[in-house]
Amino acid sequence: PCPLLVPSLSLCPQGMAKNGAEAEIDEGLYSRQLYVLGHEAMKRMQTSNVLVSGLRGLGVEVAKNLVLGGVKSVTLHDPQPAAWADLASQ
């Protein structure tokens, strides 16, 4: 299980072994990324830890795409408190 950091949140995608070691790339799940990036880049992505700071509309979309891309972990940081106006963003 991935650690939960407050107020940050760490998300771990599938594709990494539970012990943190490099796992085989699921070619069915990541076929599009493999076609564009290749196996070497996907292996590097699987071991990457990413921090996304600022979660307005663009930050949320970037974080989503990083998780779907297969990085090891994504830590989200938003220095702004949540407001009602944020409900209109992605």
PDB file of N, CA and C in Angstrom:
ATOM      1  N   PRO A   1       0.835  -1.204   0.000  1.00  0.00           N
ATOM      2  CA  PRO A   1       0.000   0.000   0.000  1.00  0.00           C
ATOM      3  C   PRO A   1       0.866   1.249   0.000  1.00  0.00           C
ATOM      4  N   CYS A   2       0.372   2.266  -0.633  1.00  0.00           N
ATOM      5  CA  CYS A   2       1.097   3.524  -0.724  1.00  0.00           C
ATOM      6  C   CYS A   2       0.847   4.354   0.518  1.00  0.00           C
ATOM      7  N   PRO A   3       1.851   5.110   0.978  1.00  0.00           N
ATOM      8  CA  PRO A   3       1.655   5.935   2.168  1.00  0.00           C
ATOM      9  C   PRO A   3       0.736   7.114   1.868  1.00  0.00           C
ATOM     10  N   LEU A   4      -0.035   7.503   2.860  1.00  0.00           N
ATOM     11  CA  LEU A   4      -0.926   8.656   2.742  1.00  0.00           C
ATOM     12  C   LEU A   4      -0.291   9.803   3.505  1.00  0.00           C
ATOM     13  N   LEU A   5       0.041  10.866   2.810  1.00  0.00           N
ATOM     14  CA  LEU A   5       0.660  12.034   3.414  1.00  0.00           C
ATOM     15  C   LEU A   5      -0.373  13.134   3.536  1.00  0.00           C
ATOM     16  N   VAL A   6      -0.471  13.764   4.674  1.00  0.00           N
ATOM     17  CA  VAL A   6      -1.435  14.836   4.867  1.00  0.00           C
ATOM     18  C   VAL A   6      -0.647  16.128   5.013  1.00  0.00           C
ATOM     19  N   PRO A   7      -0.908  17.229   4.274  1.00  0.00           N
ATOM     20  CA  PRO A   7      -2.018  17.409   3.362  1.00  0.00           C
ATOM     21  C   PRO A   7      -1.724  16.911   1.959  1.00  0.00           C
ATOM     22  N   SER A   8      -0.556  16.326   1.720  1.00  0.00           N
ATOM     23  CA  SER A   8      -0.245  15.785   0.397  1.00  0.00           C
ATOM     24  C   SER A   8      -0.800  14.384   0.289  1.00  0.00           C
ATOM     25  N   LEU A   9      -0.887  13.886  -0.929  1.00  0.00           N
ATOM     26  CA  LEU A   9      -1.414  12.559  -1.169  1.00  0.00           C
ATOM     27  C   LEU A   9      -0.484  11.837  -2.125  1.00  0.00           C
ATOM     28  N   SER A  10      -0.040  10.658  -1.767  1.00  0.00           N
ATOM     29  CA  SER A  10       0.803   9.870  -2.654  1.00  0.00           C
ATOM     30  C   SER A  10      -0.034   8.787  -3.298  1.00  0.00           C
ATOM     31  N   LEU A  11       0.086   8.651  -4.605  1.00  0.00           N
ATOM     32  CA  LEU A  11      -0.655   7.648  -5.352  1.00  0.00           C
ATOM     33  C   LEU A  11       0.334   6.730  -6.029  1.00  0.00           C
ATOM     34  N   CYS A  12       0.104   5.431  -5.959  1.00  0.00           N
ATOM     35  CA  CYS A  12       0.991   4.470  -6.619  1.00  0.00           C
ATOM     36  C   CYS A  12       0.205   3.730  -7.677  1.00  0.00           C
ATOM     37  N   PRO A  13       0.634   3.815  -8.935  1.00  0.00           N
ATOM     38  CA  PRO A  13      -0.058   3.100  -9.995  1.00  0.00           C
ATOM     39  C   PRO A  13       0.307   1.628  -9.987  1.00  0.00           C
ATOM     40  N   GLN A  14      -0.466   0.858 -10.717  1.00  0.00           N
ATOM     41  CA  GLN A  14      -0.122  -0.542 -10.901  1.00  0.00           C
ATOM     42  C   GLN A  14       1.098  -0.605 -11.809  1.00  0.00           C
ATOM     43  N   GLY A  15       1.789  -1.718 -11.762  1.00  0.00           N
ATOM     44  CA  GLY A  15       2.954  -1.867 -12.625  1.00  0.00           C
ATOM     45  C   GLY A  15       4.244  -1.941 -11.837  1.00  0.00           C
ATOM     46  N   MET A  16       4.217  -1.558 -10.573  1.00  0.00           N
ATOM     47  CA  MET A  16       5.400  -1.682  -9.741  1.00  0.00           C
ATOM     48  C   MET A  16       5.208  -2.875  -8.815  1.00  0.00           C
ATOM     49  N   ALA A  17       6.279  -3.584  -8.543  1.00  0.00           N
ATOM     50  CA  ALA A  17       6.214  -4.691  -7.603  1.00  0.00           C
ATOM     51  C   ALA A  17       5.971  -4.146  -6.208  1.00  0.00           C
ATOM     52  N   LYS A  18       5.352  -4.937  -5.350  1.00  0.00           N
ATOM     53  CA  LYS A  18       5.022  -4.481  -3.998  1.00  0.00           C
ATOM     54  C   LYS A  18       6.256  -4.164  -3.173  1.00  0.00           C
ATOM     55  N   ASN A  19       7.392  -4.777  -3.482  1.00  0.00           N
ATOM     56  CA  ASN A  19       8.606  -4.502  -2.736  1.00  0.00           C
ATOM     57  C   ASN A  19       9.374  -3.307  -3.292  1.00  0.00           C
ATOM     58  N   GLY A  20       8.823  -2.622  -4.316  1.00  0.00           N
ATOM     59  CA  GLY A  20       9.469  -1.450  -4.884  1.00  0.00           C
ATOM     60  C   GLY A  20      10.425  -1.772  -6.016  1.00  0.00           C
ATOM     61  N   ALA A  21      10.636  -3.066  -6.272  1.00  0.00           N
ATOM     62  CA  ALA A  21      11.534  -3.454  -7.358  1.00  0.00           C
ATOM     63  C   ALA A  21      10.842  -3.232  -8.697  1.00  0.00           C
ATOM     64  N   GLU A  22      11.650  -3.180  -9.735  1.00  0.00           N
ATOM     65  CA  GLU A  22      11.103  -2.977 -11.071  1.00  0.00           C
ATOM     66  C   GLU A  22      10.297  -4.192 -11.500  1.00  0.00           C
ATOM     67  N   ALA A  23       9.112  -3.971 -11.995  1.00  0.00           N
ATOM     68  CA  ALA A  23       8.250  -5.043 -12.479  1.00  0.00           C
ATOM     69  C   ALA A  23       8.246  -5.030 -13.999  1.00  0.00           C
ATOM     70  N   GLU A  24       7.733  -6.097 -14.569  1.00  0.00           N
ATOM     71  CA  GLU A  24       7.569  -6.137 -16.012  1.00  0.00           C
ATOM     72  C   GLU A  24       6.532  -5.100 -16.424  1.00  0.00           C
ATOM     73  N   ILE A  25       6.693  -4.525 -17.595  1.00  0.00           N
ATOM     74  CA  ILE A  25       5.748  -3.540 -18.104  1.00  0.00           C
ATOM     75  C   ILE A  25       4.535  -4.279 -18.653  1.00  0.00           C
ATOM     76  N   ASP A  26       3.359  -3.888 -18.206  1.00  0.00           N
ATOM     77  CA  ASP A  26       2.116  -4.472 -18.699  1.00  0.00           C
ATOM     78  C   ASP A  26       1.843  -3.885 -20.078  1.00  0.00           C
ATOM     79  N   GLU A  27       2.169  -4.636 -21.113  1.00  0.00           N
ATOM     80  CA  GLU A  27       2.073  -4.120 -22.478  1.00  0.00           C
ATOM     81  C   GLU A  27       0.636  -3.863 -22.910  1.00  0.00           C
ATOM     82  N   GLY A  28      -0.331  -4.573 -22.336  1.00  0.00           N
ATOM     83  CA  GLY A  28      -1.725  -4.309 -22.646  1.00  0.00           C
ATOM     84  C   GLY A  28      -2.194  -2.986 -22.060  1.00  0.00           C
ATOM     85  N   LEU A  29      -1.737  -2.690 -20.842  1.00  0.00           N
ATOM     86  CA  LEU A  29      -2.143  -1.461 -20.156  1.00  0.00           C
ATOM     87  C   LEU A  29      -1.422  -0.232 -20.701  1.00  0.00           C
ATOM     88  N   TYR A  30      -0.140  -0.371 -21.009  1.00  0.00           N
ATOM     89  CA  TYR A  30       0.674   0.772 -21.411  1.00  0.00           C
ATOM     90  C   TYR A  30       1.083   0.717 -22.887  1.00  0.00           C
ATOM     91  N   SER A  31       0.276   0.102 -23.744  1.00  0.00           N
ATOM     92  CA  SER A  31       0.653  -0.074 -25.148  1.00  0.00           C
ATOM     93  C   SER A  31       0.877   1.252 -25.868  1.00  0.00           C
ATOM     94  N   ARG A  32       0.061   2.251 -25.586  1.00  0.00           N
ATOM     95  CA  ARG A  32       0.220   3.548 -26.263  1.00  0.00           C
ATOM     96  C   ARG A  32       1.502   4.245 -25.839  1.00  0.00           C
ATOM     97  N   GLN A  33       1.792   4.208 -24.541  1.00  0.00           N
ATOM     98  CA  GLN A  33       3.028   4.825 -24.058  1.00  0.00           C
ATOM     99  C   GLN A  33       4.246   4.093 -24.615  1.00  0.00           C
ATOM    100  N   LEU A  34       4.177   2.766 -24.675  1.00  0.00           N
ATOM    101  CA  LEU A  34       5.303   1.995 -25.213  1.00  0.00           C
ATOM    102  C   LEU A  34       5.542   2.321 -26.676  1.00  0.00           C
ATOM    103  N   TYR A  35       4.474   2.508 -27.424  1.00  0.00           N
ATOM    104  CA  TYR A  35       4.599   2.820 -28.845  1.00  0.00           C
ATOM    105  C   TYR A  35       5.316   4.153 -29.046  1.00  0.00           C
ATOM    106  N   VAL A  36       4.989   5.139 -28.218  1.00  0.00           N
ATOM    107  CA  VAL A  36       5.569   6.478 -28.358  1.00  0.00           C
ATOM    108  C   VAL A  36       6.928   6.581 -27.671  1.00  0.00           C
ATOM    109  N   LEU A  37       7.030   6.082 -26.444  1.00  0.00           N
ATOM    110  CA  LEU A  37       8.232   6.291 -25.637  1.00  0.00           C
ATOM    111  C   LEU A  37       9.258   5.172 -25.740  1.00  0.00           C
ATOM    112  N   GLY A  38       8.808   3.934 -25.883  1.00  0.00           N
ATOM    113  CA  GLY A  38       9.713   2.791 -25.898  1.00  0.00           C
ATOM    114  C   GLY A  38       9.888   2.192 -24.510  1.00  0.00           C
ATOM    115  N   HIS A  39      10.471   1.004 -24.469  1.00  0.00           N
ATOM    116  CA  HIS A  39      10.614   0.267 -23.210  1.00  0.00           C
ATOM    117  C   HIS A  39      11.545   0.961 -22.217  1.00  0.00           C
ATOM    118  N   GLU A  40      12.643   1.519 -22.700  1.00  0.00           N
ATOM    119  CA  GLU A  40      13.605   2.149 -21.782  1.00  0.00           C
ATOM    120  C   GLU A  40      12.984   3.331 -21.043  1.00  0.00           C
ATOM    121  N   ALA A  41      12.259   4.182 -21.754  1.00  0.00           N
ATOM    122  CA  ALA A  41      11.614   5.333 -21.112  1.00  0.00           C
ATOM    123  C   ALA A  41      10.529   4.876 -20.139  1.00  0.00           C
ATOM    124  N   MET A  42       9.782   3.827 -20.497  1.00  0.00           N
ATOM    125  CA  MET A  42       8.752   3.323 -19.587  1.00  0.00           C
ATOM    126  C   MET A  42       9.362   2.749 -18.319  1.00  0.00           C
ATOM    127  N   LYS A  43      10.508   2.095 -18.433  1.00  0.00           N
ATOM    128  CA  LYS A  43      11.185   1.584 -17.236  1.00  0.00           C
ATOM    129  C   LYS A  43      11.624   2.734 -16.337  1.00  0.00           C
ATOM    130  N   ARG A  44      12.111   3.815 -16.949  1.00  0.00           N
ATOM    131  CA  ARG A  44      12.498   4.983 -16.152  1.00  0.00           C
ATOM    132  C   ARG A  44      11.287   5.632 -15.509  1.00  0.00           C
ATOM    133  N   MET A  45      10.162   5.687 -16.235  1.00  0.00           N
ATOM    134  CA  MET A  45       8.937   6.257 -15.663  1.00  0.00           C
ATOM    135  C   MET A  45       8.443   5.428 -14.479  1.00  0.00           C
ATOM    136  N   GLN A  46       8.554   4.105 -14.564  1.00  0.00           N
ATOM    137  CA  GLN A  46       8.095   3.236 -13.486  1.00  0.00           C
ATOM    138  C   GLN A  46       8.884   3.442 -12.197  1.00  0.00           C
ATOM    139  N   THR A  47      10.060   4.008 -12.287  1.00  0.00           N
ATOM    140  CA  THR A  47      10.867   4.239 -11.090  1.00  0.00           C
ATOM    141  C   THR A  47      10.892   5.709 -10.683  1.00  0.00           C
ATOM    142  N   SER A  48      10.104   6.554 -11.364  1.00  0.00           N
ATOM    143  CA  SER A  48      10.117   7.990 -11.092  1.00  0.00           C
ATOM    144  C   SER A  48       9.135   8.368  -9.989  1.00  0.00           C
ATOM    145  N   ASN A  49       9.587   9.249  -9.102  1.00  0.00           N
ATOM    146  CA  ASN A  49       8.735   9.863  -8.085  1.00  0.00           C
ATOM    147  C   ASN A  49       8.534  11.313  -8.512  1.00  0.00           C
ATOM    148  N   VAL A  50       7.281  11.762  -8.574  1.00  0.00           N
ATOM    149  CA  VAL A  50       6.974  13.084  -9.116  1.00  0.00           C
ATOM    150  C   VAL A  50       6.218  13.897  -8.074  1.00  0.00           C
ATOM    151  N   LEU A  51       6.572  15.188  -7.954  1.00  0.00           N
ATOM    152  CA  LEU A  51       5.845  16.137  -7.113  1.00  0.00           C
ATOM    153  C   LEU A  51       5.123  17.116  -8.018  1.00  0.00           C
ATOM    154  N   VAL A  52       3.809  17.247  -7.838  1.00  0.00           N
ATOM    155  CA  VAL A  52       3.015  18.239  -8.565  1.00  0.00           C
ATOM    156  C   VAL A  52       2.564  19.261  -7.535  1.00  0.00           C
ATOM    157  N   SER A  53       3.019  20.493  -7.692  1.00  0.00           N
ATOM    158  CA  SER A  53       2.663  21.559  -6.765  1.00  0.00           C
ATOM    159  C   SER A  53       1.727  22.535  -7.458  1.00  0.00           C
ATOM    160  N   GLY A  54       0.588  22.755  -6.866  1.00  0.00           N
ATOM    161  CA  GLY A  54      -0.420  23.635  -7.447  1.00  0.00           C
ATOM    162  C   GLY A  54      -1.459  22.804  -8.174  1.00  0.00           C
ATOM    163  N   LEU A  55      -2.648  22.729  -7.638  1.00  0.00           N
ATOM    164  CA  LEU A  55      -3.655  21.832  -8.189  1.00  0.00           C
ATOM    165  C   LEU A  55      -4.849  22.576  -8.755  1.00  0.00           C
ATOM    166  N   ARG A  56      -4.612  23.638  -9.448  1.00  0.00           N
ATOM    167  CA  ARG A  56      -5.696  24.267 -10.188  1.00  0.00           C
ATOM    168  C   ARG A  56      -6.004  23.373 -11.385  1.00  0.00           C
ATOM    169  N   GLY A  57      -6.737  23.847 -12.354  1.00  0.00           N
ATOM    170  CA  GLY A  57      -7.147  23.017 -13.485  1.00  0.00           C
ATOM    171  C   GLY A  57      -6.010  22.312 -14.189  1.00  0.00           C
ATOM    172  N   LEU A  58      -4.907  23.004 -14.458  1.00  0.00           N
ATOM    173  CA  LEU A  58      -3.781  22.397 -15.169  1.00  0.00           C
ATOM    174  C   LEU A  58      -3.059  21.371 -14.305  1.00  0.00           C
ATOM    175  N   GLY A  59      -2.847  21.682 -13.036  1.00  0.00           N
ATOM    176  CA  GLY A  59      -2.146  20.763 -12.136  1.00  0.00           C
ATOM    177  C   GLY A  59      -2.877  19.450 -11.959  1.00  0.00           C
ATOM    178  N   VAL A  60      -4.199  19.505 -11.886  1.00  0.00           N
ATOM    179  CA  VAL A  60      -5.000  18.288 -11.744  1.00  0.00           C
ATOM    180  C   VAL A  60      -4.869  17.433 -12.989  1.00  0.00           C
ATOM    181  N   GLU A  61      -4.933  18.051 -14.154  1.00  0.00           N
ATOM    182  CA  GLU A  61      -4.816  17.318 -15.417  1.00  0.00           C
ATOM    183  C   GLU A  61      -3.430  16.704 -15.561  1.00  0.00           C
ATOM    184  N   VAL A  62      -2.385  17.436 -15.202  1.00  0.00           N
ATOM    185  CA  VAL A  62      -1.020  16.912 -15.266  1.00  0.00           C
ATOM    186  C   VAL A  62      -0.866  15.723 -14.321  1.00  0.00           C
ATOM    187  N   ALA A  63      -1.376  15.847 -13.097  1.00  0.00           N
ATOM    188  CA  ALA A  63      -1.280  14.754 -12.126  1.00  0.00           C
ATOM    189  C   ALA A  63      -2.003  13.509 -12.636  1.00  0.00           C
ATOM    190  N   LYS A  64      -3.188  13.691 -13.197  1.00  0.00           N
ATOM    191  CA  LYS A  64      -3.948  12.560 -13.742  1.00  0.00           C
ATOM    192  C   LYS A  64      -3.158  11.861 -14.836  1.00  0.00           C
ATOM    193  N   ASN A  65      -2.585  12.628 -15.748  1.00  0.00           N
ATOM    194  CA  ASN A  65      -1.842  12.045 -16.860  1.00  0.00           C
ATOM    195  C   ASN A  65      -0.562  11.353 -16.395  1.00  0.00           C
ATOM    196  N   LEU A  66       0.080  11.869 -15.355  1.00  0.00           N
ATOM    197  CA  LEU A  66       1.262  11.204 -14.802  1.00  0.00           C
ATOM    198  C   LEU A  66       0.896   9.850 -14.203  1.00  0.00           C
ATOM    199  N   VAL A  67      -0.203   9.810 -13.455  1.00  0.00           N
ATOM    200  CA  VAL A  67      -0.639   8.550 -12.857  1.00  0.00           C
ATOM    201  C   VAL A  67      -1.002   7.542 -13.945  1.00  0.00           C
ATOM    202  N   LEU A  68      -1.753   7.996 -14.949  1.00  0.00           N
ATOM    203  CA  LEU A  68      -2.129   7.096 -16.048  1.00  0.00           C
ATOM    204  C   LEU A  68      -0.913   6.668 -16.871  1.00  0.00           C
ATOM    205  N   GLY A  69       0.124   7.499 -16.879  1.00  0.00           N
ATOM    206  CA  GLY A  69       1.334   7.179 -17.624  1.00  0.00           C
ATOM    207  C   GLY A  69       2.182   6.108 -16.978  1.00  0.00           C
ATOM    208  N   GLY A  70       1.969   5.832 -15.693  1.00  0.00           N
ATOM    209  CA  GLY A  70       2.670   4.729 -15.040  1.00  0.00           C
ATOM    210  C   GLY A  70       3.862   5.099 -14.196  1.00  0.00           C
ATOM    211  N   VAL A  71       3.928   6.327 -13.667  1.00  0.00           N
ATOM    212  CA  VAL A  71       5.040   6.664 -12.780  1.00  0.00           C
ATOM    213  C   VAL A  71       4.891   5.912 -11.460  1.00  0.00           C
ATOM    214  N   LYS A  72       5.995   5.770 -10.733  1.00  0.00           N
ATOM    215  CA  LYS A  72       5.988   5.029  -9.476  1.00  0.00           C
ATOM    216  C   LYS A  72       5.094   5.707  -8.443  1.00  0.00           C
ATOM    217  N   SER A  73       5.284   7.002  -8.239  1.00  0.00           N
ATOM    218  CA  SER A  73       4.450   7.714  -7.262  1.00  0.00           C
ATOM    219  C   SER A  73       4.296   9.171  -7.658  1.00  0.00           C
ATOM    220  N   VAL A  74       3.166   9.730  -7.283  1.00  0.00           N
ATOM    221  CA  VAL A  74       2.882  11.143  -7.509  1.00  0.00           C
ATOM    222  C   VAL A  74       2.491  11.742  -6.166  1.00  0.00           C
ATOM    223  N   THR A  75       3.193  12.779  -5.752  1.00  0.00           N
ATOM    224  CA  THR A  75       2.851  13.494  -4.536  1.00  0.00           C
ATOM    225  C   THR A  75       2.210  14.802  -4.941  1.00  0.00           C
ATOM    226  N   LEU A  76       1.024  15.051  -4.404  1.00  0.00           N
ATOM    227  CA  LEU A  76       0.278  16.260  -4.742  1.00  0.00           C
ATOM    228  C   LEU A  76       0.431  17.274  -3.621  1.00  0.00           C
ATOM    229  N   HIS A  77       0.685  18.530  -4.002  1.00  0.00           N
ATOM    230  CA  HIS A  77       0.828  19.617  -3.033  1.00  0.00           C
ATOM    231  C   HIS A  77       0.068  20.824  -3.553  1.00  0.00           C
ATOM    232  N   ASP A  78      -0.811  21.342  -2.731  1.00  0.00           N
ATOM    233  CA  ASP A  78      -1.547  22.539  -3.111  1.00  0.00           C
ATOM    234  C   ASP A  78      -1.504  23.515  -1.940  1.00  0.00           C
ATOM    235  N   PRO A  79      -0.760  24.612  -2.073  1.00  0.00           N
ATOM    236  CA  PRO A  79      -0.638  25.554  -0.958  1.00  0.00           C
ATOM    237  C   PRO A  79      -1.910  26.371  -0.715  1.00  0.00           C
ATOM    238  N   GLN A  80      -2.817  26.375  -1.670  1.00  0.00           N
ATOM    239  CA  GLN A  80      -4.050  27.145  -1.534  1.00  0.00           C
ATOM    240  C   GLN A  80      -5.136  26.303  -0.873  1.00  0.00           C
ATOM    241  N   PRO A  81      -5.873  26.878   0.081  1.00  0.00           N
ATOM    242  CA  PRO A  81      -6.994  26.131   0.657  1.00  0.00           C
ATOM    243  C   PRO A  81      -8.104  25.955  -0.379  1.00  0.00           C
ATOM    244  N   ALA A  82      -8.841  24.869  -0.252  1.00  0.00           N
ATOM    245  CA  ALA A  82      -9.943  24.608  -1.182  1.00  0.00           C
ATOM    246  C   ALA A  82     -11.036  25.659  -1.008  1.00  0.00           C
ATOM    247  N   ALA A  83     -11.638  26.064  -2.117  1.00  0.00           N
ATOM    248  CA  ALA A  83     -12.717  27.063  -2.093  1.00  0.00           C
ATOM    249  C   ALA A  83     -13.849  26.581  -2.992  1.00  0.00           C
ATOM    250  N   TRP A  84     -15.019  27.173  -2.826  1.00  0.00           N
ATOM    251  CA  TRP A  84     -16.181  26.798  -3.631  1.00  0.00           C
ATOM    252  C   TRP A  84     -15.917  26.998  -5.135  1.00  0.00           C
ATOM    253  N   ALA A  85     -15.156  28.005  -5.478  1.00  0.00           N
ATOM    254  CA  ALA A  85     -14.858  28.275  -6.886  1.00  0.00           C
ATOM    255  C   ALA A  85     -14.050  27.144  -7.516  1.00  0.00           C
ATOM    256  N   ASP A  86     -13.337  26.350  -6.701  1.00  0.00           N
ATOM    257  CA  ASP A  86     -12.531  25.249  -7.227  1.00  0.00           C
ATOM    258  C   ASP A  86     -13.394  24.116  -7.780  1.00  0.00           C
ATOM    259  N   LEU A  87     -14.639  24.069  -7.417  1.00  0.00           N
ATOM    260  CA  LEU A  87     -15.524  23.011  -7.914  1.00  0.00           C
ATOM    261  C   LEU A  87     -15.719  23.109  -9.432  1.00  0.00           C
ATOM    262  N   ALA A  88     -15.517  24.276  -9.995  1.00  0.00           N
ATOM    263  CA  ALA A  88     -15.702  24.471 -11.443  1.00  0.00           C
ATOM    264  C   ALA A  88     -14.508  23.981 -12.240  1.00  0.00           C
ATOM    265  N   SER A  89     -13.356  23.776 -11.586  1.00  0.00           N
ATOM    266  CA  SER A  89     -12.176  23.288 -12.318  1.00  0.00           C
ATOM    267  C   SER A  89     -12.232  21.770 -12.408  1.00  0.00           C
ATOM    268  N   GLN A  90     -11.399  21.227 -13.271  1.00  0.00           N
ATOM    269  CA  GLN A  90     -11.387  19.781 -13.489  1.00  0.00           C
ATOM    270  C   GLN A  90     -11.197  19.084 -12.169  1.00  0.00           C
TER     271      GLN A  90
END
